[in-house]
Amino acid sequence: MSHQEIKCNVESCRFNSGSHHCTLNEITVGSESPSREPDTEQDTICASFSHK
C-alpha cells in the first residue's frame, strides 16, 4: 500500500498538527443526513473531528 497523507484546514480540530496535516492514521467520513446517501461534498461530514 502506498503512503497517504491526510491534510486538514480545520484549525479547531485537536488532530490538526498546526501545519495543515492531520495526525490521525485514518479518518471516518459520515453522512450529514443519515436518511439518505450523500450526493455532494456538502452532504458529508468528518466524523473523526474532535474539538481542541
PDB file of N, CA and C in Angstrom:
ATOM      1  N   MET A   1       0.848  -1.182   0.000  1.00  0.00           N
ATOM      2  CA  MET A   1       0.000   0.000   0.000  1.00  0.00           C
ATOM      3  C   MET A   1       0.890   1.240   0.000  1.00  0.00           C
ATOM      4  N   SER A   2       0.518   2.222  -0.783  1.00  0.00           N
ATOM      5  CA  SER A   2       1.306   3.448  -0.858  1.00  0.00           C
ATOM      6  C   SER A   2       1.039   4.354   0.336  1.00  0.00           C
ATOM      7  N   HIS A   3       1.980   5.236   0.599  1.00  0.00           N
ATOM      8  CA  HIS A   3       1.859   6.200   1.691  1.00  0.00           C
ATOM      9  C   HIS A   3       0.800   7.229   1.338  1.00  0.00           C
ATOM     10  N   GLN A   4      -0.111   7.504   2.271  1.00  0.00           N
ATOM     11  CA  GLN A   4      -1.136   8.519   2.075  1.00  0.00           C
ATOM     12  C   GLN A   4      -0.962   9.609   3.113  1.00  0.00           C
ATOM     13  N   GLU A   5      -1.325  10.811   2.731  1.00  0.00           N
ATOM     14  CA  GLU A   5      -1.246  11.949   3.642  1.00  0.00           C
ATOM     15  C   GLU A   5      -2.636  12.520   3.814  1.00  0.00           C
ATOM     16  N   ILE A   6      -3.007  12.810   5.058  1.00  0.00           N
ATOM     17  CA  ILE A   6      -4.309  13.412   5.341  1.00  0.00           C
ATOM     18  C   ILE A   6      -4.083  14.877   5.667  1.00  0.00           C
ATOM     19  N   LYS A   7      -4.632  15.762   4.839  1.00  0.00           N
ATOM     20  CA  LYS A   7      -4.486  17.203   5.059  1.00  0.00           C
ATOM     21  C   LYS A   7      -5.740  17.730   5.744  1.00  0.00           C
ATOM     22  N   CYS A   8      -5.574  18.781   6.547  1.00  0.00           N
ATOM     23  CA  CYS A   8      -6.692  19.348   7.300  1.00  0.00           C
ATOM     24  C   CYS A   8      -6.528  20.858   7.420  1.00  0.00           C
ATOM     25  N   ASN A   9      -7.567  21.594   7.067  1.00  0.00           N
ATOM     26  CA  ASN A   9      -7.560  23.052   7.192  1.00  0.00           C
ATOM     27  C   ASN A   9      -8.367  23.526   8.394  1.00  0.00           C
ATOM     28  N   VAL A  10      -8.895  22.596   9.195  1.00  0.00           N
ATOM     29  CA  VAL A  10      -9.728  22.944  10.348  1.00  0.00           C
ATOM     30  C   VAL A  10      -8.823  23.116  11.565  1.00  0.00           C
ATOM     31  N   GLU A  11      -8.494  24.355  11.868  1.00  0.00           N
ATOM     32  CA  GLU A  11      -7.540  24.635  12.943  1.00  0.00           C
ATOM     33  C   GLU A  11      -8.093  24.329  14.333  1.00  0.00           C
ATOM     34  N   SER A  12      -9.414  24.243  14.476  1.00  0.00           N
ATOM     35  CA  SER A  12     -10.003  23.958  15.782  1.00  0.00           C
ATOM     36  C   SER A  12     -10.055  22.458  16.091  1.00  0.00           C
ATOM     37  N   CYS A  13      -9.590  21.619  15.172  1.00  0.00           N
ATOM     38  CA  CYS A  13      -9.586  20.171  15.404  1.00  0.00           C
ATOM     39  C   CYS A  13      -8.330  19.768  16.175  1.00  0.00           C
ATOM     40  N   ARG A  14      -8.496  18.952  17.193  1.00  0.00           N
ATOM     41  CA  ARG A  14      -7.354  18.528  18.024  1.00  0.00           C
ATOM     42  C   ARG A  14      -6.342  17.703  17.236  1.00  0.00           C
ATOM     43  N   PHE A  15      -6.726  17.139  16.102  1.00  0.00           N
ATOM     44  CA  PHE A  15      -5.822  16.303  15.318  1.00  0.00           C
ATOM     45  C   PHE A  15      -5.074  17.081  14.238  1.00  0.00           C
ATOM     46  N   ASN A  16      -5.317  18.393  14.142  1.00  0.00           N
ATOM     47  CA  ASN A  16      -4.579  19.233  13.189  1.00  0.00           C
ATOM     48  C   ASN A  16      -3.222  19.542  13.805  1.00  0.00           C
ATOM     49  N   SER A  17      -2.147  19.228  13.082  1.00  0.00           N
ATOM     50  CA  SER A  17      -0.786  19.398  13.602  1.00  0.00           C
ATOM     51  C   SER A  17      -0.365  20.855  13.695  1.00  0.00           C
ATOM     52  N   GLY A  18      -1.151  21.759  13.138  1.00  0.00           N
ATOM     53  CA  GLY A  18      -0.779  23.167  13.105  1.00  0.00           C
ATOM     54  C   GLY A  18      -0.151  23.547  11.773  1.00  0.00           C
ATOM     55  N   SER A  19       0.162  22.550  10.975  1.00  0.00           N
ATOM     56  CA  SER A  19       0.717  22.815   9.641  1.00  0.00           C
ATOM     57  C   SER A  19      -0.154  22.154   8.573  1.00  0.00           C
ATOM     58  N   HIS A  20      -1.454  22.161   8.809  1.00  0.00           N
ATOM     59  CA  HIS A  20      -2.453  21.615   7.879  1.00  0.00           C
ATOM     60  C   HIS A  20      -2.255  20.133   7.607  1.00  0.00           C
ATOM     61  N   HIS A  21      -1.821  19.389   8.604  1.00  0.00           N
ATOM     62  CA  HIS A  21      -1.650  17.945   8.492  1.00  0.00           C
ATOM     63  C   HIS A  21      -2.435  17.276   9.617  1.00  0.00           C
ATOM     64  N   CYS A  22      -3.232  16.259   9.281  1.00  0.00           N
ATOM     65  CA  CYS A  22      -3.995  15.508  10.275  1.00  0.00           C
ATOM     66  C   CYS A  22      -3.099  14.443  10.884  1.00  0.00           C
ATOM     67  N   THR A  23      -3.067  14.362  12.201  1.00  0.00           N
ATOM     68  CA  THR A  23      -2.200  13.407  12.880  1.00  0.00           C
ATOM     69  C   THR A  23      -2.833  12.018  13.036  1.00  0.00           C
ATOM     70  N   LEU A  24      -4.092  11.855  12.619  1.00  0.00           N
ATOM     71  CA  LEU A  24      -4.725  10.538  12.678  1.00  0.00           C
ATOM     72  C   LEU A  24      -4.181   9.644  11.564  1.00  0.00           C
ATOM     73  N   ASN A  25      -4.157   8.336  11.791  1.00  0.00           N
ATOM     74  CA  ASN A  25      -3.755   7.385  10.753  1.00  0.00           C
ATOM     75  C   ASN A  25      -4.855   7.147   9.740  1.00  0.00           C
ATOM     76  N   GLU A  26      -6.087   7.382  10.150  1.00  0.00           N
ATOM     77  CA  GLU A  26      -7.233   7.230   9.266  1.00  0.00           C
ATOM     78  C   GLU A  26      -8.336   8.159   9.738  1.00  0.00           C
ATOM     79  N   ILE A  27      -9.252   8.489   8.842  1.00  0.00           N
ATOM     80  CA  ILE A  27     -10.395   9.318   9.209  1.00  0.00           C
ATOM     81  C   ILE A  27     -11.675   8.576   8.853  1.00  0.00           C
ATOM     82  N   THR A  28     -12.766   8.985   9.474  1.00  0.00           N
ATOM     83  CA  THR A  28     -14.080   8.436   9.170  1.00  0.00           C
ATOM     84  C   THR A  28     -14.936   9.551   8.600  1.00  0.00           C
ATOM     85  N   VAL A  29     -15.501   9.314   7.426  1.00  0.00           N
ATOM     86  CA  VAL A  29     -16.373  10.289   6.785  1.00  0.00           C
ATOM     87  C   VAL A  29     -17.797   9.775   6.911  1.00  0.00           C
ATOM     88  N   GLY A  30     -18.676  10.644   7.399  1.00  0.00           N
ATOM     89  CA  GLY A  30     -20.071  10.264   7.582  1.00  0.00           C
ATOM     90  C   GLY A  30     -20.988  11.103   6.716  1.00  0.00           C
ATOM     91  N   SER A  31     -22.266  10.775   6.768  1.00  0.00           N
ATOM     92  CA  SER A  31     -23.287  11.490   6.016  1.00  0.00           C
ATOM     93  C   SER A  31     -23.913  12.562   6.888  1.00  0.00           C
ATOM     94  N   GLU A  32     -24.122  13.739   6.337  1.00  0.00           N
ATOM     95  CA  GLU A  32     -24.793  14.829   7.056  1.00  0.00           C
ATOM     96  C   GLU A  32     -26.230  14.437   7.379  1.00  0.00           C
ATOM     97  N   SER A  33     -26.840  13.652   6.504  1.00  0.00           N
ATOM     98  CA  SER A  33     -28.218  13.199   6.702  1.00  0.00           C
ATOM     99  C   SER A  33     -28.244  11.672   6.672  1.00  0.00           C
ATOM    100  N   PRO A  34     -28.405  11.031   7.829  1.00  0.00           N
ATOM    101  CA  PRO A  34     -28.363   9.564   7.858  1.00  0.00           C
ATOM    102  C   PRO A  34     -29.490   8.893   7.080  1.00  0.00           C
ATOM    103  N   SER A  35     -30.507   9.645   6.678  1.00  0.00           N
ATOM    104  CA  SER A  35     -31.639   9.051   5.972  1.00  0.00           C
ATOM    105  C   SER A  35     -31.412   8.914   4.467  1.00  0.00           C
ATOM    106  N   ARG A  36     -30.313   9.503   3.952  1.00  0.00           N
ATOM    107  CA  ARG A  36     -30.054   9.370   2.512  1.00  0.00           C
ATOM    108  C   ARG A  36     -28.552   9.362   2.227  1.00  0.00           C
ATOM    109  N   GLU A  37     -28.209   8.781   1.088  1.00  0.00           N
ATOM    110  CA  GLU A  37     -26.816   8.694   0.655  1.00  0.00           C
ATOM    111  C   GLU A  37     -26.362  10.073   0.154  1.00  0.00           C
ATOM    112  N   PRO A  38     -25.153  10.535   0.506  1.00  0.00           N
ATOM    113  CA  PRO A  38     -24.663  11.844   0.071  1.00  0.00           C
ATOM    114  C   PRO A  38     -24.516  11.942  -1.447  1.00  0.00           C
ATOM    115  N   ASP A  39     -24.837  13.111  -2.003  1.00  0.00           N
ATOM    116  CA  ASP A  39     -24.661  13.385  -3.426  1.00  0.00           C
ATOM    117  C   ASP A  39     -23.564  14.407  -3.677  1.00  0.00           C
ATOM    118  N   THR A  40     -23.272  15.259  -2.691  1.00  0.00           N
ATOM    119  CA  THR A  40     -22.266  16.306  -2.847  1.00  0.00           C
ATOM    120  C   THR A  40     -21.361  16.314  -1.619  1.00  0.00           C
ATOM    121  N   GLU A  41     -20.233  17.010  -1.715  1.00  0.00           N
ATOM    122  CA  GLU A  41     -19.327  17.078  -0.568  1.00  0.00           C
ATOM    123  C   GLU A  41     -19.965  17.801   0.614  1.00  0.00           C
ATOM    124  N   GLN A  42     -20.936  18.694   0.362  1.00  0.00           N
ATOM    125  CA  GLN A  42     -21.636  19.386   1.453  1.00  0.00           C
ATOM    126  C   GLN A  42     -22.523  18.429   2.238  1.00  0.00           C
ATOM    127  N   ASP A  43     -22.835  17.268   1.653  1.00  0.00           N
ATOM    128  CA  ASP A  43     -23.674  16.278   2.324  1.00  0.00           C
ATOM    129  C   ASP A  43     -22.873  15.370   3.257  1.00  0.00           C
ATOM    130  N   THR A  44     -21.548  15.565   3.314  1.00  0.00           N
ATOM    131  CA  THR A  44     -20.703  14.698   4.136  1.00  0.00           C
ATOM    132  C   THR A  44     -20.097  15.474   5.296  1.00  0.00           C
ATOM    133  N   ILE A  45     -19.665  14.731   6.306  1.00  0.00           N
ATOM    134  CA  ILE A  45     -19.007  15.325   7.471  1.00  0.00           C
ATOM    135  C   ILE A  45     -17.799  14.466   7.837  1.00  0.00           C
ATOM    136  N   CYS A  46     -16.834  15.076   8.481  1.00  0.00           N
ATOM    137  CA  CYS A  46     -15.702  14.323   9.009  1.00  0.00           C
ATOM    138  C   CYS A  46     -16.102  13.842  10.398  1.00  0.00           C
ATOM    139  N   ALA A  47     -16.435  12.577  10.508  1.00  0.00           N
ATOM    140  CA  ALA A  47     -16.885  12.025  11.778  1.00  0.00           C
ATOM    141  C   ALA A  47     -15.727  11.847  12.766  1.00  0.00           C
ATOM    142  N   SER A  48     -14.496  12.047  12.311  1.00  0.00           N
ATOM    143  CA  SER A  48     -13.315  11.933  13.179  1.00  0.00           C
ATOM    144  C   SER A  48     -12.990  13.238  13.886  1.00  0.00           C
ATOM    145  N   PHE A  49     -13.674  14.328  13.545  1.00  0.00           N
ATOM    146  CA  PHE A  49     -13.393  15.638  14.142  1.00  0.00           C
ATOM    147  C   PHE A  49     -13.560  15.602  15.649  1.00  0.00           C
ATOM    148  N   SER A  50     -12.629  16.235  16.339  1.00  0.00           N
ATOM    149  CA  SER A  50     -12.716  16.411  17.791  1.00  0.00           C
ATOM    150  C   SER A  50     -12.168  17.794  18.114  1.00  0.00           C
ATOM    151  N   HIS A  51     -12.953  18.611  18.779  1.00  0.00           N
ATOM    152  CA  HIS A  51     -12.570  19.994  19.062  1.00  0.00           C
ATOM    153  C   HIS A  51     -11.396  20.031  20.067  1.00  0.00           C
ATOM    154  N   LYS A  52     -10.491  20.974  19.869  1.00  0.00           N
ATOM    155  CA  LYS A  52      -9.335  21.127  20.774  1.00  0.00           C
ATOM    156  C   LYS A  52      -9.795  21.490  22.159  1.00  0.00           C
TER     157      LYS A  52
END
